[in-house]
Amino acid sequence: MAAVTVSKNGKFALVTAEQGVFVYSIGNSGVLTLLPGAPVGAGTGPNGISIDSTDSFVYVVNGGSGNVSGFLFSDQTGILTSVAGSPFNAGPYAAGIATSPVPKK
Protein backbone atom coordinates (compact mmCIF):
# COMPACT_ATOMS: atom_id res chain seq x y z
CA MET A 1 0.00 0.00 0.00
CA ALA A 2 1.33 3.42 -0.90
CA ALA A 3 -1.42 5.92 -0.07
CA VAL A 4 -4.94 6.23 1.32
CA THR A 5 -7.59 8.94 1.06
CA VAL A 6 -11.27 9.19 1.97
CA SER A 7 -13.95 10.90 -0.12
CA LYS A 8 -15.19 14.21 1.24
CA ASN A 9 -18.63 12.73 1.87
CA GLY A 10 -17.09 9.91 3.93
CA LYS A 11 -18.63 7.12 1.82
CA PHE A 12 -15.46 5.75 0.15
CA ALA A 13 -11.83 4.95 0.97
CA LEU A 14 -9.37 4.83 -1.94
CA VAL A 15 -6.09 2.95 -1.58
CA THR A 16 -3.19 2.82 -4.03
CA ALA A 17 -1.04 -0.27 -4.42
CA GLU A 18 1.25 -1.56 -7.16
CA GLN A 19 -1.78 -3.01 -8.97
CA GLY A 20 -3.69 0.32 -9.10
CA VAL A 21 -6.47 1.94 -7.09
CA PHE A 22 -8.72 -0.06 -4.79
CA VAL A 23 -12.04 1.59 -3.89
CA TYR A 24 -13.87 0.54 -0.73
CA SER A 25 -17.30 1.61 0.45
CA ILE A 26 -17.39 2.60 4.12
CA GLY A 27 -20.36 1.14 5.97
CA ASN A 28 -22.17 2.85 8.86
CA SER A 29 -20.27 0.65 11.30
CA GLY A 30 -16.93 1.41 9.61
CA VAL A 31 -16.72 -1.88 7.72
CA LEU A 32 -14.88 -1.55 4.39
CA THR A 33 -16.25 -3.41 1.37
CA LEU A 34 -14.13 -3.65 -1.78
CA LEU A 35 -16.10 -2.48 -4.81
CA PRO A 36 -16.30 -4.70 -7.91
CA GLY A 37 -13.80 -3.92 -10.67
CA ALA A 38 -10.88 -3.28 -8.33
CA PRO A 39 -8.16 -2.51 -8.81
CA VAL A 40 -8.55 0.30 -11.34
CA GLY A 41 -5.33 0.55 -13.35
CA ALA A 42 -2.99 3.47 -12.75
CA GLY A 43 0.67 3.90 -13.70
CA THR A 44 3.69 2.10 -12.29
CA GLY A 45 4.52 2.63 -8.64
CA PRO A 46 1.56 4.72 -7.45
CA ASN A 47 2.74 6.61 -4.37
CA GLY A 48 0.13 9.28 -3.75
CA ILE A 49 -3.59 9.89 -4.18
CA SER A 50 -5.85 12.91 -3.79
CA ILE A 51 -9.54 13.72 -4.26
CA ASP A 52 -10.45 17.27 -5.25
CA SER A 53 -12.59 19.42 -2.96
CA THR A 54 -15.77 18.70 -4.97
CA ASP A 55 -15.42 14.88 -4.79
CA SER A 56 -15.40 14.90 -8.61
CA PHE A 57 -11.80 14.05 -9.53
CA VAL A 58 -9.16 11.66 -8.22
CA TYR A 59 -5.48 12.03 -9.05
CA VAL A 60 -2.83 9.34 -8.55
CA VAL A 61 0.87 10.15 -8.83
CA ASN A 62 2.90 7.27 -10.24
CA GLY A 63 6.55 7.49 -9.22
CA GLY A 64 7.65 4.49 -11.28
CA SER A 65 6.23 5.79 -14.55
CA GLY A 66 6.71 9.51 -13.78
CA ASN A 67 3.12 10.52 -14.44
CA VAL A 68 -0.25 11.36 -12.89
CA SER A 69 -3.38 9.33 -13.62
CA GLY A 70 -6.59 11.38 -13.55
CA PHE A 71 -10.06 9.96 -12.97
CA LEU A 72 -13.61 11.23 -12.81
CA PHE A 73 -15.01 10.09 -9.46
CA SER A 74 -18.63 9.39 -8.60
CA ASP A 75 -19.12 10.20 -4.93
CA GLN A 76 -22.39 8.26 -5.04
CA THR A 77 -21.12 4.97 -6.54
CA GLY A 78 -17.33 5.11 -6.08
CA ILE A 79 -16.77 4.47 -9.77
CA LEU A 80 -13.53 5.80 -11.29
CA THR A 81 -13.41 6.68 -15.01
CA SER A 82 -10.17 7.70 -16.68
CA VAL A 83 -9.93 11.37 -17.72
CA ALA A 84 -9.19 11.99 -21.42
CA GLY A 85 -5.45 12.37 -21.99
CA SER A 86 -4.55 10.59 -18.74
CA PRO A 87 -1.91 9.79 -17.60
CA PHE A 88 -0.20 13.19 -17.61
CA ASN A 89 3.58 13.55 -17.62
CA ALA A 90 5.02 14.52 -14.22
CA GLY A 91 8.74 13.88 -14.70
CA PRO A 92 11.19 11.47 -13.11
CA TYR A 93 10.71 12.67 -9.51
CA ALA A 94 6.93 12.27 -9.20
CA ALA A 95 6.08 11.72 -5.53
CA GLY A 96 3.03 12.70 -3.51
CA ILE A 97 0.08 14.80 -4.63
CA ALA A 98 -2.45 17.19 -3.12
CA THR A 99 -5.44 19.14 -4.40
CA SER A 100 -6.74 22.47 -3.22
CA PRO A 101 -10.12 24.15 -3.58
CA VAL A 102 -10.45 26.99 -6.05
CA PRO A 103 -10.19 30.29 -4.13
CA LYS A 104 -13.46 32.17 -3.75
CA LYS A 105 -13.47 35.76 -4.94
PDB file of N, CA and C in Angstrom:
ATOM      1  N   MET A   1       0.847  -1.169   0.000  1.00  0.00           N
ATOM      2  CA  MET A   1       0.000   0.000   0.000  1.00  0.00           C
ATOM      3  C   MET A   1       0.893   1.232   0.000  1.00  0.00           C
ATOM      4  N   ALA A   2       0.532   2.202  -0.811  1.00  0.00           N
ATOM      5  CA  ALA A   2       1.334   3.417  -0.898  1.00  0.00           C
ATOM      6  C   ALA A   2       0.617   4.627  -0.330  1.00  0.00           C
ATOM      7  N   ALA A   3      -0.699   4.731  -0.519  1.00  0.00           N
ATOM      8  CA  ALA A   3      -1.420   5.923  -0.069  1.00  0.00           C
ATOM      9  C   ALA A   3      -2.892   5.596   0.141  1.00  0.00           C
ATOM     10  N   VAL A   4      -3.520   6.389   1.024  1.00  0.00           N
ATOM     11  CA  VAL A   4      -4.944   6.225   1.324  1.00  0.00           C
ATOM     12  C   VAL A   4      -5.577   7.602   1.392  1.00  0.00           C
ATOM     13  N   THR A   5      -6.807   7.728   0.887  1.00  0.00           N
ATOM     14  CA  THR A   5      -7.594   8.941   1.060  1.00  0.00           C
ATOM     15  C   THR A   5      -9.054   8.538   1.207  1.00  0.00           C
ATOM     16  N   VAL A   6      -9.839   9.431   1.772  1.00  0.00           N
ATOM     17  CA  VAL A   6     -11.269   9.186   1.965  1.00  0.00           C
ATOM     18  C   VAL A   6     -12.033  10.284   1.251  1.00  0.00           C
ATOM     19  N   SER A   7     -13.135   9.906   0.579  1.00  0.00           N
ATOM     20  CA  SER A   7     -13.948  10.897  -0.121  1.00  0.00           C
ATOM     21  C   SER A   7     -14.472  11.929   0.869  1.00  0.00           C
ATOM     22  N   LYS A   8     -14.724  13.114   0.384  1.00  0.00           N
ATOM     23  CA  LYS A   8     -15.189  14.210   1.240  1.00  0.00           C
ATOM     24  C   LYS A   8     -16.508  13.886   1.936  1.00  0.00           C
ATOM     25  N   ASN A   9     -17.354  13.079   1.263  1.00  0.00           N
ATOM     26  CA  ASN A   9     -18.632  12.727   1.870  1.00  0.00           C
ATOM     27  C   ASN A   9     -18.519  11.541   2.834  1.00  0.00           C
ATOM     28  N   GLY A  10     -17.310  10.985   2.980  1.00  0.00           N
ATOM     29  CA  GLY A  10     -17.085   9.906   3.928  1.00  0.00           C
ATOM     30  C   GLY A  10     -17.613   8.546   3.521  1.00  0.00           C
ATOM     31  N   LYS A  11     -18.042   8.387   2.263  1.00  0.00           N
ATOM     32  CA  LYS A  11     -18.630   7.121   1.820  1.00  0.00           C
ATOM     33  C   LYS A  11     -17.613   6.127   1.261  1.00  0.00           C
ATOM     34  N   PHE A  12     -16.417   6.620   0.842  1.00  0.00           N
ATOM     35  CA  PHE A  12     -15.457   5.754   0.153  1.00  0.00           C
ATOM     36  C   PHE A  12     -14.034   5.991   0.633  1.00  0.00           C
ATOM     37  N   ALA A  13     -13.262   4.902   0.711  1.00  0.00           N
ATOM     38  CA  ALA A  13     -11.826   4.954   0.968  1.00  0.00           C
ATOM     39  C   ALA A  13     -11.141   4.471  -0.305  1.00  0.00           C
ATOM     40  N   LEU A  14     -10.128   5.200  -0.743  1.00  0.00           N
ATOM     41  CA  LEU A  14      -9.374   4.831  -1.936  1.00  0.00           C
ATOM     42  C   LEU A  14      -7.934   4.554  -1.525  1.00  0.00           C
ATOM     43  N   VAL A  15      -7.412   3.413  -1.968  1.00  0.00           N
ATOM     44  CA  VAL A  15      -6.091   2.954  -1.576  1.00  0.00           C
ATOM     45  C   VAL A  15      -5.294   2.644  -2.834  1.00  0.00           C
ATOM     46  N   THR A  16      -4.051   3.176  -2.901  1.00  0.00           N
ATOM     47  CA  THR A  16      -3.193   2.823  -4.027  1.00  0.00           C
ATOM     48  C   THR A  16      -2.281   1.679  -3.616  1.00  0.00           C
ATOM     49  N   ALA A  17      -1.988   0.827  -4.577  1.00  0.00           N
ATOM     50  CA  ALA A  17      -1.038  -0.270  -4.418  1.00  0.00           C
ATOM     51  C   ALA A  17      -0.440  -0.502  -5.793  1.00  0.00           C
ATOM     52  N   GLU A  18       0.563  -1.342  -5.878  1.00  0.00           N
ATOM     53  CA  GLU A  18       1.250  -1.563  -7.157  1.00  0.00           C
ATOM     54  C   GLU A  18       0.281  -1.925  -8.280  1.00  0.00           C
ATOM     55  N   GLN A  19      -0.826  -2.580  -7.957  1.00  0.00           N
ATOM     56  CA  GLN A  19      -1.784  -3.008  -8.975  1.00  0.00           C
ATOM     57  C   GLN A  19      -2.699  -1.892  -9.442  1.00  0.00           C
ATOM     58  N   GLY A  20      -2.797  -0.777  -8.717  1.00  0.00           N
ATOM     59  CA  GLY A  20      -3.688   0.317  -9.099  1.00  0.00           C
ATOM     60  C   GLY A  20      -4.418   0.887  -7.905  1.00  0.00           C
ATOM     61  N   VAL A  21      -5.663   1.307  -8.126  1.00  0.00           N
ATOM     62  CA  VAL A  21      -6.469   1.943  -7.086  1.00  0.00           C
ATOM     63  C   VAL A  21      -7.587   0.994  -6.658  1.00  0.00           C
ATOM     64  N   PHE A  22      -7.660   0.750  -5.370  1.00  0.00           N
ATOM     65  CA  PHE A  22      -8.719  -0.064  -4.786  1.00  0.00           C
ATOM     66  C   PHE A  22      -9.715   0.888  -4.138  1.00  0.00           C
ATOM     67  N   VAL A  23     -10.997   0.736  -4.467  1.00  0.00           N
ATOM     68  CA  VAL A  23     -12.036   1.593  -3.894  1.00  0.00           C
ATOM     69  C   VAL A  23     -12.898   0.741  -2.970  1.00  0.00           C
ATOM     70  N   TYR A  24     -13.065   1.228  -1.740  1.00  0.00           N
ATOM     71  CA  TYR A  24     -13.868   0.545  -0.731  1.00  0.00           C
ATOM     72  C   TYR A  24     -15.028   1.441  -0.321  1.00  0.00           C
ATOM     73  N   SER A  25     -16.211   0.854  -0.169  1.00  0.00           N
ATOM     74  CA  SER A  25     -17.305   1.608   0.452  1.00  0.00           C
ATOM     75  C   SER A  25     -17.104   1.509   1.961  1.00  0.00           C
ATOM     76  N   ILE A  26     -17.496   2.575   2.664  1.00  0.00           N
ATOM     77  CA  ILE A  26     -17.385   2.602   4.120  1.00  0.00           C
ATOM     78  C   ILE A  26     -18.792   2.472   4.701  1.00  0.00           C
ATOM     79  N   GLY A  27     -19.038   1.373   5.379  1.00  0.00           N
ATOM     80  CA  GLY A  27     -20.359   1.136   5.975  1.00  0.00           C
ATOM     81  C   GLY A  27     -20.577   1.993   7.209  1.00  0.00           C
ATOM     82  N   ASN A  28     -21.826   2.064   7.672  1.00  0.00           N
ATOM     83  CA  ASN A  28     -22.170   2.854   8.855  1.00  0.00           C
ATOM     84  C   ASN A  28     -21.398   2.424  10.097  1.00  0.00           C
ATOM     85  N   SER A  29     -21.022   1.150  10.153  1.00  0.00           N
ATOM     86  CA  SER A  29     -20.268   0.647  11.305  1.00  0.00           C
ATOM     87  C   SER A  29     -18.758   0.731  11.073  1.00  0.00           C
ATOM     88  N   GLY A  30     -18.353   1.281   9.923  1.00  0.00           N
ATOM     89  CA  GLY A  30     -16.930   1.410   9.612  1.00  0.00           C
ATOM     90  C   GLY A  30     -16.358   0.257   8.819  1.00  0.00           C
ATOM     91  N   VAL A  31     -17.180  -0.730   8.498  1.00  0.00           N
ATOM     92  CA  VAL A  31     -16.719  -1.877   7.722  1.00  0.00           C
ATOM     93  C   VAL A  31     -16.418  -1.438   6.291  1.00  0.00           C
ATOM     94  N   LEU A  32     -15.254  -1.853   5.776  1.00  0.00           N
ATOM     95  CA  LEU A  32     -14.875  -1.554   4.394  1.00  0.00           C
ATOM     96  C   LEU A  32     -15.258  -2.715   3.495  1.00  0.00           C
ATOM     97  N   THR A  33     -15.875  -2.400   2.353  1.00  0.00           N
ATOM     98  CA  THR A  33     -16.251  -3.409   1.368  1.00  0.00           C
ATOM     99  C   THR A  33     -15.625  -3.026   0.037  1.00  0.00           C
ATOM    100  N   LEU A  34     -14.777  -3.907  -0.507  1.00  0.00           N
ATOM    101  CA  LEU A  34     -14.127  -3.654  -1.781  1.00  0.00           C
ATOM    102  C   LEU A  34     -15.169  -3.635  -2.891  1.00  0.00           C
ATOM    103  N   LEU A  35     -15.138  -2.578  -3.709  1.00  0.00           N
ATOM    104  CA  LEU A  35     -16.096  -2.484  -4.813  1.00  0.00           C
ATOM    105  C   LEU A  35     -15.665  -3.377  -5.968  1.00  0.00           C
ATOM    106  N   PRO A  36     -16.627  -3.890  -6.735  1.00  0.00           N
ATOM    107  CA  PRO A  36     -16.300  -4.695  -7.914  1.00  0.00           C
ATOM    108  C   PRO A  36     -15.469  -3.878  -8.904  1.00  0.00           C
ATOM    109  N   GLY A  37     -14.607  -4.575  -9.643  1.00  0.00           N
ATOM    110  CA  GLY A  37     -13.797  -3.919 -10.666  1.00  0.00           C
ATOM    111  C   GLY A  37     -12.445  -3.459 -10.162  1.00  0.00           C
ATOM    112  N   ALA A  38     -12.163  -3.699  -8.894  1.00  0.00           N
ATOM    113  CA  ALA A  38     -10.878  -3.276  -8.335  1.00  0.00           C
ATOM    114  C   ALA A  38      -9.809  -4.319  -8.641  1.00  0.00           C
ATOM    115  N   PRO A  39      -8.585  -3.902  -8.828  1.00  0.00           N
ATOM    116  CA  PRO A  39      -8.159  -2.505  -8.809  1.00  0.00           C
ATOM    117  C   PRO A  39      -8.380  -1.839 -10.160  1.00  0.00           C
ATOM    118  N   VAL A  40      -8.491  -0.509 -10.119  1.00  0.00           N
ATOM    119  CA  VAL A  40      -8.549   0.299 -11.341  1.00  0.00           C
ATOM    120  C   VAL A  40      -7.105   0.633 -11.695  1.00  0.00           C
ATOM    121  N   GLY A  41      -6.714   0.358 -12.938  1.00  0.00           N
ATOM    122  CA  GLY A  41      -5.331   0.551 -13.348  1.00  0.00           C
ATOM    123  C   GLY A  41      -4.873   1.995 -13.266  1.00  0.00           C
ATOM    124  N   ALA A  42      -3.665   2.173 -12.752  1.00  0.00           N
ATOM    125  CA  ALA A  42      -2.987   3.468 -12.750  1.00  0.00           C
ATOM    126  C   ALA A  42      -1.604   3.202 -13.354  1.00  0.00           C
ATOM    127  N   GLY A  43      -0.680   4.102 -13.177  1.00  0.00           N
ATOM    128  CA  GLY A  43       0.667   3.897 -13.702  1.00  0.00           C
ATOM    129  C   GLY A  43       1.484   2.996 -12.794  1.00  0.00           C
ATOM    130  N   THR A  44       2.782   2.935 -13.061  1.00  0.00           N
ATOM    131  CA  THR A  44       3.692   2.100 -12.292  1.00  0.00           C
ATOM    132  C   THR A  44       4.106   2.810 -11.006  1.00  0.00           C
ATOM    133  N   GLY A  45       4.067   2.095  -9.909  1.00  0.00           N
ATOM    134  CA  GLY A  45       4.520   2.634  -8.636  1.00  0.00           C
ATOM    135  C   GLY A  45       3.694   3.775  -8.086  1.00  0.00           C
ATOM    136  N   PRO A  46       2.360   3.635  -8.004  1.00  0.00           N
ATOM    137  CA  PRO A  46       1.558   4.721  -7.449  1.00  0.00           C
ATOM    138  C   PRO A  46       1.975   5.002  -6.005  1.00  0.00           C
ATOM    139  N   ASN A  47       2.258   6.278  -5.702  1.00  0.00           N
ATOM    140  CA  ASN A  47       2.743   6.607  -4.368  1.00  0.00           C
ATOM    141  C   ASN A  47       2.024   7.793  -3.736  1.00  0.00           C
ATOM    142  N   GLY A  48       0.923   8.213  -4.322  1.00  0.00           N
ATOM    143  CA  GLY A  48       0.129   9.285  -3.749  1.00  0.00           C
ATOM    144  C   GLY A  48      -1.234   9.333  -4.400  1.00  0.00           C
ATOM    145  N   ILE A  49      -2.234   9.793  -3.646  1.00  0.00           N
ATOM    146  CA  ILE A  49      -3.593   9.893  -4.180  1.00  0.00           C
ATOM    147  C   ILE A  49      -4.282  11.088  -3.533  1.00  0.00           C
ATOM    148  N   SER A  50      -5.120  11.762  -4.302  1.00  0.00           N
ATOM    149  CA  SER A  50      -5.848  12.912  -3.786  1.00  0.00           C
ATOM    150  C   SER A  50      -7.205  13.012  -4.482  1.00  0.00           C
ATOM    151  N   ILE A  51      -8.202  13.446  -3.715  1.00  0.00           N
ATOM    152  CA  ILE A  51      -9.537  13.720  -4.257  1.00  0.00           C
ATOM    153  C   ILE A  51      -9.735  15.230  -4.187  1.00  0.00           C
ATOM    154  N   ASP A  52     -10.249  15.820  -5.265  1.00  0.00           N
ATOM    155  CA  ASP A  52     -10.451  17.274  -5.254  1.00  0.00           C
ATOM    156  C   ASP A  52     -11.571  17.656  -4.281  1.00  0.00           C
ATOM    157  N   SER A  53     -11.669  18.938  -3.993  1.00  0.00           N
ATOM    158  CA  SER A  53     -12.594  19.416  -2.959  1.00  0.00           C
ATOM    159  C   SER A  53     -14.069  19.233  -3.307  1.00  0.00           C
ATOM    160  N   THR A  54     -14.377  18.906  -4.572  1.00  0.00           N
ATOM    161  CA  THR A  54     -15.766  18.700  -4.973  1.00  0.00           C
ATOM    162  C   THR A  54     -16.148  17.221  -5.031  1.00  0.00           C
ATOM    163  N   ASP A  55     -15.200  16.330  -4.680  1.00  0.00           N
ATOM    164  CA  ASP A  55     -15.424  14.883  -4.785  1.00  0.00           C
ATOM    165  C   ASP A  55     -15.700  14.457  -6.230  1.00  0.00           C
ATOM    166  N   SER A  56     -15.147  15.187  -7.193  1.00  0.00           N
ATOM    167  CA  SER A  56     -15.404  14.895  -8.607  1.00  0.00           C
ATOM    168  C   SER A  56     -14.220  14.276  -9.331  1.00  0.00           C
ATOM    169  N   PHE A  57     -13.001  14.528  -8.854  1.00  0.00           N
ATOM    170  CA  PHE A  57     -11.800  14.049  -9.532  1.00  0.00           C
ATOM    171  C   PHE A  57     -10.854  13.404  -8.531  1.00  0.00           C
ATOM    172  N   VAL A  58     -10.193  12.335  -8.996  1.00  0.00           N
ATOM    173  CA  VAL A  58      -9.160  11.655  -8.223  1.00  0.00           C
ATOM    174  C   VAL A  58      -7.885  11.685  -9.056  1.00  0.00           C
ATOM    175  N   TYR A  59      -6.772  11.996  -8.383  1.00  0.00           N
ATOM    176  CA  TYR A  59      -5.478  12.028  -9.050  1.00  0.00           C
ATOM    177  C   TYR A  59      -4.523  11.096  -8.319  1.00  0.00           C
ATOM    178  N   VAL A  60      -3.798  10.284  -9.102  1.00  0.00           N
ATOM    179  CA  VAL A  60      -2.834   9.337  -8.554  1.00  0.00           C
ATOM    180  C   VAL A  60      -1.479   9.641  -9.169  1.00  0.00           C
ATOM    181  N   VAL A  61      -0.478   9.917  -8.320  1.00  0.00           N
ATOM    182  CA  VAL A  61       0.871  10.149  -8.831  1.00  0.00           C
ATOM    183  C   VAL A  61       1.592   8.802  -8.862  1.00  0.00           C
ATOM    184  N   ASN A  62       2.238   8.545  -9.991  1.00  0.00           N
ATOM    185  CA  ASN A  62       2.896   7.265 -10.239  1.00  0.00           C
ATOM    186  C   ASN A  62       4.398   7.491 -10.346  1.00  0.00           C
ATOM    187  N   GLY A  63       5.115   7.237  -9.252  1.00  0.00           N
ATOM    188  CA  GLY A  63       6.549   7.489  -9.221  1.00  0.00           C
ATOM    189  C   GLY A  63       7.334   6.638 -10.194  1.00  0.00           C
ATOM    190  N   GLY A  64       6.938   5.393 -10.378  1.00  0.00           N
ATOM    191  CA  GLY A  64       7.654   4.492 -11.276  1.00  0.00           C
ATOM    192  C   GLY A  64       7.552   4.877 -12.735  1.00  0.00           C
ATOM    193  N   SER A  65       6.411   5.406 -13.142  1.00  0.00           N
ATOM    194  CA  SER A  65       6.227   5.792 -14.549  1.00  0.00           C
ATOM    195  C   SER A  65       6.304   7.305 -14.742  1.00  0.00           C
ATOM    196  N   GLY A  66       6.510   8.068 -13.668  1.00  0.00           N
ATOM    197  CA  GLY A  66       6.714   9.510 -13.777  1.00  0.00           C
ATOM    198  C   GLY A  66       5.520  10.256 -14.345  1.00  0.00           C
ATOM    199  N   ASN A  67       4.309   9.856 -13.924  1.00  0.00           N
ATOM    200  CA  ASN A  67       3.120  10.525 -14.443  1.00  0.00           C
ATOM    201  C   ASN A  67       2.016  10.583 -13.391  1.00  0.00           C
ATOM    202  N   VAL A  68       0.922  11.244 -13.758  1.00  0.00           N
ATOM    203  CA  VAL A  68      -0.248  11.357 -12.890  1.00  0.00           C
ATOM    204  C   VAL A  68      -1.457  10.820 -13.644  1.00  0.00           C
ATOM    205  N   SER A  69      -2.142   9.861 -13.045  1.00  0.00           N
ATOM    206  CA  SER A  69      -3.382   9.329 -13.615  1.00  0.00           C
ATOM    207  C   SER A  69      -4.548  10.151 -13.070  1.00  0.00           C
ATOM    208  N   GLY A  70      -5.424  10.611 -13.958  1.00  0.00           N
ATOM    209  CA  GLY A  70      -6.593  11.381 -13.553  1.00  0.00           C
ATOM    210  C   GLY A  70      -7.864  10.588 -13.797  1.00  0.00           C
ATOM    211  N   PHE A  71      -8.795  10.683 -12.864  1.00  0.00           N
ATOM    212  CA  PHE A  71     -10.055   9.961 -12.966  1.00  0.00           C
ATOM    213  C   PHE A  71     -11.219  10.863 -12.595  1.00  0.00           C
ATOM    214  N   LEU A  72     -12.348  10.691 -13.287  1.00  0.00           N
ATOM    215  CA  LEU A  72     -13.612  11.235 -12.811  1.00  0.00           C
ATOM    216  C   LEU A  72     -14.049  10.319 -11.687  1.00  0.00           C
ATOM    217  N   PHE A  73     -14.612  10.884 -10.618  1.00  0.00           N
ATOM    218  CA  PHE A  73     -15.009  10.095  -9.465  1.00  0.00           C
ATOM    219  C   PHE A  73     -16.467  10.345  -9.144  1.00  0.00           C
ATOM    220  N   SER A  74     -17.234   9.273  -9.024  1.00  0.00           N
ATOM    221  CA  SER A  74     -18.626   9.386  -8.603  1.00  0.00           C
ATOM    222  C   SER A  74     -18.680   9.219  -7.097  1.00  0.00           C
ATOM    223  N   ASP A  75     -19.043  10.290  -6.392  1.00  0.00           N
ATOM    224  CA  ASP A  75     -19.115  10.199  -4.929  1.00  0.00           C
ATOM    225  C   ASP A  75     -20.377   9.476  -4.458  1.00  0.00           C
ATOM    226  N   GLN A  76     -21.204   9.044  -5.397  1.00  0.00           N
ATOM    227  CA  GLN A  76     -22.392   8.258  -5.042  1.00  0.00           C
ATOM    228  C   GLN A  76     -22.175   6.758  -5.245  1.00  0.00           C
ATOM    229  N   THR A  77     -21.337   6.382  -6.241  1.00  0.00           N
ATOM    230  CA  THR A  77     -21.117   4.966  -6.537  1.00  0.00           C
ATOM    231  C   THR A  77     -19.685   4.502  -6.296  1.00  0.00           C
ATOM    232  N   GLY A  78     -18.734   5.449  -6.232  1.00  0.00           N
ATOM    233  CA  GLY A  78     -17.327   5.109  -6.076  1.00  0.00           C
ATOM    234  C   GLY A  78     -16.637   4.749  -7.373  1.00  0.00           C
ATOM    235  N   ILE A  79     -17.338   4.847  -8.482  1.00  0.00           N
ATOM    236  CA  ILE A  79     -16.767   4.471  -9.773  1.00  0.00           C
ATOM    237  C   ILE A  79     -15.730   5.494 -10.226  1.00  0.00           C
ATOM    238  N   LEU A  80     -14.584   4.985 -10.715  1.00  0.00           N
ATOM    239  CA  LEU A  80     -13.530   5.805 -11.293  1.00  0.00           C
ATOM    240  C   LEU A  80     -13.529   5.612 -12.803  1.00  0.00           C
ATOM    241  N   THR A  81     -13.474   6.711 -13.547  1.00  0.00           N
ATOM    242  CA  THR A  81     -13.413   6.679 -15.009  1.00  0.00           C
ATOM    243  C   THR A  81     -12.244   7.536 -15.447  1.00  0.00           C
ATOM    244  N   SER A  82     -11.373   6.981 -16.256  1.00  0.00           N
ATOM    245  CA  SER A  82     -10.171   7.702 -16.677  1.00  0.00           C
ATOM    246  C   SER A  82     -10.515   9.006 -17.393  1.00  0.00           C
ATOM    247  N   VAL A  83      -9.773  10.067 -17.074  1.00  0.00           N
ATOM    248  CA  VAL A  83      -9.929  11.371 -17.720  1.00  0.00           C
ATOM    249  C   VAL A  83      -9.222  11.322 -19.072  1.00  0.00           C
ATOM    250  N   ALA A  84      -9.802  11.940 -20.089  1.00  0.00           N
ATOM    251  CA  ALA A  84      -9.186  11.987 -21.420  1.00  0.00           C
ATOM    252  C   ALA A  84      -7.778  12.558 -21.321  1.00  0.00           C
ATOM    253  N   GLY A  85      -6.831  11.913 -21.984  1.00  0.00           N
ATOM    254  CA  GLY A  85      -5.446  12.366 -21.992  1.00  0.00           C
ATOM    255  C   GLY A  85      -4.614  11.825 -20.841  1.00  0.00           C
ATOM    256  N   SER A  86      -5.251  11.137 -19.901  1.00  0.00           N
ATOM    257  CA  SER A  86      -4.550  10.586 -18.743  1.00  0.00           C
ATOM    258  C   SER A  86      -3.821   9.311 -19.142  1.00  0.00           C
ATOM    259  N   PRO A  87      -2.631   9.066 -18.632  1.00  0.00           N
ATOM    260  CA  PRO A  87      -1.909   9.791 -17.604  1.00  0.00           C
ATOM    261  C   PRO A  87      -1.176  11.013 -18.171  1.00  0.00           C
ATOM    262  N   PHE A  88      -0.864  11.944 -17.259  1.00  0.00           N
ATOM    263  CA  PHE A  88      -0.201  13.189 -17.607  1.00  0.00           C
ATOM    264  C   PHE A  88       1.247  13.134 -17.128  1.00  0.00           C
ATOM    265  N   ASN A  89       2.170  13.593 -17.962  1.00  0.00           N
ATOM    266  CA  ASN A  89       3.582  13.554 -17.619  1.00  0.00           C
ATOM    267  C   ASN A  89       3.855  14.371 -16.356  1.00  0.00           C
ATOM    268  N   ALA A  90       4.664  13.818 -15.456  1.00  0.00           N
ATOM    269  CA  ALA A  90       5.022  14.522 -14.222  1.00  0.00           C
ATOM    270  C   ALA A  90       6.526  14.538 -13.995  1.00  0.00           C
ATOM    271  N   GLY A  91       7.293  13.878 -14.847  1.00  0.00           N
ATOM    272  CA  GLY A  91       8.741  13.878 -14.704  1.00  0.00           C
ATOM    273  C   GLY A  91       9.248  12.742 -13.841  1.00  0.00           C
ATOM    274  N   PRO A  92      10.579  12.624 -13.776  1.00  0.00           N
ATOM    275  CA  PRO A  92      11.195  11.469 -13.109  1.00  0.00           C
ATOM    276  C   PRO A  92      11.124  11.482 -11.583  1.00  0.00           C
ATOM    277  N   TYR A  93      10.720  12.590 -10.973  1.00  0.00           N
ATOM    278  CA  TYR A  93      10.709  12.671  -9.508  1.00  0.00           C
ATOM    279  C   TYR A  93       9.297  12.772  -8.941  1.00  0.00           C
ATOM    280  N   ALA A  94       8.330  12.204  -9.631  1.00  0.00           N
ATOM    281  CA  ALA A  94       6.932  12.274  -9.197  1.00  0.00           C
ATOM    282  C   ALA A  94       6.758  11.557  -7.862  1.00  0.00           C
ATOM    283  N   ALA A  95       6.300  12.306  -6.859  1.00  0.00           N
ATOM    284  CA  ALA A  95       6.082  11.716  -5.534  1.00  0.00           C
ATOM    285  C   ALA A  95       5.103  12.578  -4.762  1.00  0.00           C
ATOM    286  N   GLY A  96       4.016  11.979  -4.307  1.00  0.00           N
ATOM    287  CA  GLY A  96       3.027  12.698  -3.513  1.00  0.00           C
ATOM    288  C   GLY A  96       2.192  13.647  -4.349  1.00  0.00           C
ATOM    289  N   ILE A  97       0.978  13.907  -3.904  1.00  0.00           N
ATOM    290  CA  ILE A  97       0.081  14.801  -4.633  1.00  0.00           C
ATOM    291  C   ILE A  97      -0.961  15.351  -3.662  1.00  0.00           C
ATOM    292  N   ALA A  98      -1.402  16.560  -3.930  1.00  0.00           N
ATOM    293  CA  ALA A  98      -2.451  17.191  -3.122  1.00  0.00           C
ATOM    294  C   ALA A  98      -3.316  18.033  -4.041  1.00  0.00           C
ATOM    295  N   THR A  99      -4.556  18.245  -3.665  1.00  0.00           N
ATOM    296  CA  THR A  99      -5.436  19.138  -4.399  1.00  0.00           C
ATOM    297  C   THR A  99      -5.896  20.225  -3.449  1.00  0.00           C
ATOM    298  N   SER A 100      -6.317  21.337  -4.023  1.00  0.00           N
ATOM    299  CA  SER A 100      -6.737  22.473  -3.222  1.00  0.00           C
ATOM    300  C   SER A 100      -8.004  23.046  -3.825  1.00  0.00           C
ATOM    301  N   PRO A 101      -8.914  23.544  -3.009  1.00  0.00           N
ATOM    302  CA  PRO A 101     -10.121  24.155  -3.576  1.00  0.00           C
ATOM    303  C   PRO A 101      -9.784  25.425  -4.332  1.00  0.00           C
ATOM    304  N   VAL A 102     -10.610  25.756  -5.298  1.00  0.00           N
ATOM    305  CA  VAL A 102     -10.449  26.995  -6.046  1.00  0.00           C
ATOM    306  C   VAL A 102     -10.773  28.148  -5.108  1.00  0.00           C
ATOM    307  N   PRO A 103      -9.906  29.157  -5.035  1.00  0.00           N
ATOM    308  CA  PRO A 103     -10.187  30.286  -4.134  1.00  0.00           C
ATOM    309  C   PRO A 103     -11.475  30.997  -4.514  1.00  0.00           C
ATOM    310  N   LYS A 104     -12.227  31.408  -3.507  1.00  0.00           N
ATOM    311  CA  LYS A 104     -13.456  32.171  -3.749  1.00  0.00           C
ATOM    312  C   LYS A 104     -13.101  33.641  -3.828  1.00  0.00           C
ATOM    313  N   LYS A 105     -13.748  34.333  -4.751  1.00  0.00           N
ATOM    314  CA  LYS A 105     -13.471  35.765  -4.938  1.00  0.00           C
ATOM    315  C   LYS A 105     -14.377  36.601  -4.106  1.00  0.00           C
TER     316      LYS A 105
END
